[in-house]
Amino acid sequence: MRLAYRRNPIPAEQQFDAIVIGAGLAGTATALHLLDAGLNVAVFERGRMPRHKLCGEFLSTEVQATFERLGVLDAVMAAGAVPIRRTK
């Protein structure tokens, strides 16, 4: 499993099992799942990262389970996320 960040062009002879276009939430999650499956993955993003973008007002139960599978839930919670236990 390999994950690399680089700003320079990738050499033409470099080969990947999968290429993900876009390093936003969906693209990054997809790349992590592919890496976990043992694939060599490249992620291409045209914009500057990280970008600060609000994508929702809360973390649903479903996304919390996904974050746990991706191994990032603890970091998200440590950053100040508050779990929602119930709604009216």
Protein backbone atom coordinates (compact mmCIF):
# COMPACT_ATOMS: atom_id res chain seq x y z
CA MET A 1 0.00 0.00 0.00
CA ARG A 2 1.42 3.37 -0.97
CA LEU A 3 0.14 6.89 -0.61
CA ALA A 4 2.21 9.82 -1.78
CA TYR A 5 1.67 13.53 -2.07
CA ARG A 6 3.54 15.35 -4.75
CA ARG A 7 3.21 18.58 -6.67
CA ASN A 8 5.48 17.52 -9.51
CA PRO A 9 4.33 15.65 -12.61
CA ILE A 10 4.29 11.87 -12.31
CA PRO A 11 6.79 10.16 -14.62
CA ALA A 12 5.15 8.64 -17.72
CA GLU A 13 6.47 5.15 -16.87
CA GLN A 14 4.74 5.17 -13.46
CA GLN A 15 1.81 2.73 -13.41
CA PHE A 16 -1.26 2.65 -11.18
CA ASP A 17 -4.06 0.19 -10.62
CA ALA A 18 -6.54 3.04 -10.19
CA ILE A 19 -6.63 6.78 -10.76
CA VAL A 20 -9.03 8.96 -8.78
CA ILE A 21 -9.89 12.39 -10.14
CA GLY A 22 -10.61 14.84 -7.33
CA ALA A 23 -9.20 14.86 -3.81
CA GLY A 24 -12.34 16.06 -2.06
CA LEU A 25 -14.17 13.95 0.51
CA ALA A 26 -15.51 11.40 -1.97
CA GLY A 27 -12.28 11.09 -3.95
CA THR A 28 -10.13 10.74 -0.85
CA ALA A 29 -12.47 8.16 0.68
CA THR A 30 -12.47 6.21 -2.59
CA ALA A 31 -8.67 6.30 -2.75
CA LEU A 32 -8.38 5.08 0.86
CA HIS A 33 -10.73 2.16 0.16
CA LEU A 34 -8.70 1.22 -2.92
CA LEU A 35 -5.43 1.48 -0.95
CA ASP A 36 -6.91 -0.75 1.75
CA ALA A 37 -7.65 -3.29 -0.99
CA GLY A 38 -3.94 -3.29 -1.86
CA LEU A 39 -4.11 -1.24 -5.04
CA ASN A 40 -1.53 1.32 -6.15
CA VAL A 41 -3.59 4.54 -6.44
CA ALA A 42 -2.97 8.02 -7.83
CA VAL A 43 -5.21 10.94 -6.87
CA PHE A 44 -5.30 14.02 -9.08
CA GLU A 45 -6.67 17.34 -7.85
CA ARG A 46 -6.56 20.55 -9.87
CA GLY A 47 -7.05 22.83 -6.88
CA ARG A 48 -4.83 23.62 -3.95
CA MET A 49 -5.20 21.35 -0.94
CA PRO A 50 -6.25 21.36 1.75
CA ARG A 51 -9.22 23.51 0.97
CA HIS A 52 -11.62 24.64 3.63
CA LYS A 53 -15.10 23.67 2.55
CA LEU A 54 -18.17 23.11 4.66
CA CYS A 55 -19.94 20.01 3.38
CA GLY A 56 -22.56 19.53 6.04
CA GLU A 57 -23.73 20.69 9.40
CA PHE A 58 -23.38 17.37 11.24
CA LEU A 59 -21.92 13.89 10.96
CA SER A 60 -24.65 11.33 10.44
CA THR A 61 -24.45 7.87 11.99
CA GLU A 62 -23.70 6.44 8.56
CA VAL A 63 -20.75 8.76 7.92
CA GLN A 64 -19.37 8.08 11.39
CA ALA A 65 -19.25 4.37 10.54
CA THR A 66 -17.51 5.19 7.24
CA PHE A 67 -14.98 7.41 9.01
CA GLU A 68 -14.31 4.57 11.45
CA ARG A 69 -13.67 2.14 8.55
CA LEU A 70 -11.33 4.71 6.98
CA GLY A 71 -9.46 5.08 10.26
CA VAL A 72 -10.13 8.81 10.61
CA LEU A 73 -13.00 8.94 13.13
CA ASP A 74 -10.75 9.51 16.14
CA ALA A 75 -9.02 12.44 14.42
CA VAL A 76 -12.38 13.96 13.43
CA MET A 77 -13.69 13.65 16.98
CA ALA A 78 -10.43 15.06 18.39
CA ALA A 79 -10.86 18.07 16.09
CA GLY A 80 -14.01 18.97 18.01
CA ALA A 81 -16.88 17.08 16.37
CA VAL A 82 -19.75 16.46 18.75
CA PRO A 83 -21.77 13.25 18.34
CA ILE A 84 -25.52 13.61 17.90
CA ARG A 85 -27.31 11.08 20.08
CA ARG A 86 -30.90 11.98 19.15
CA THR A 87 -33.06 14.44 17.23
CA LYS A 88 -36.54 15.78 17.82
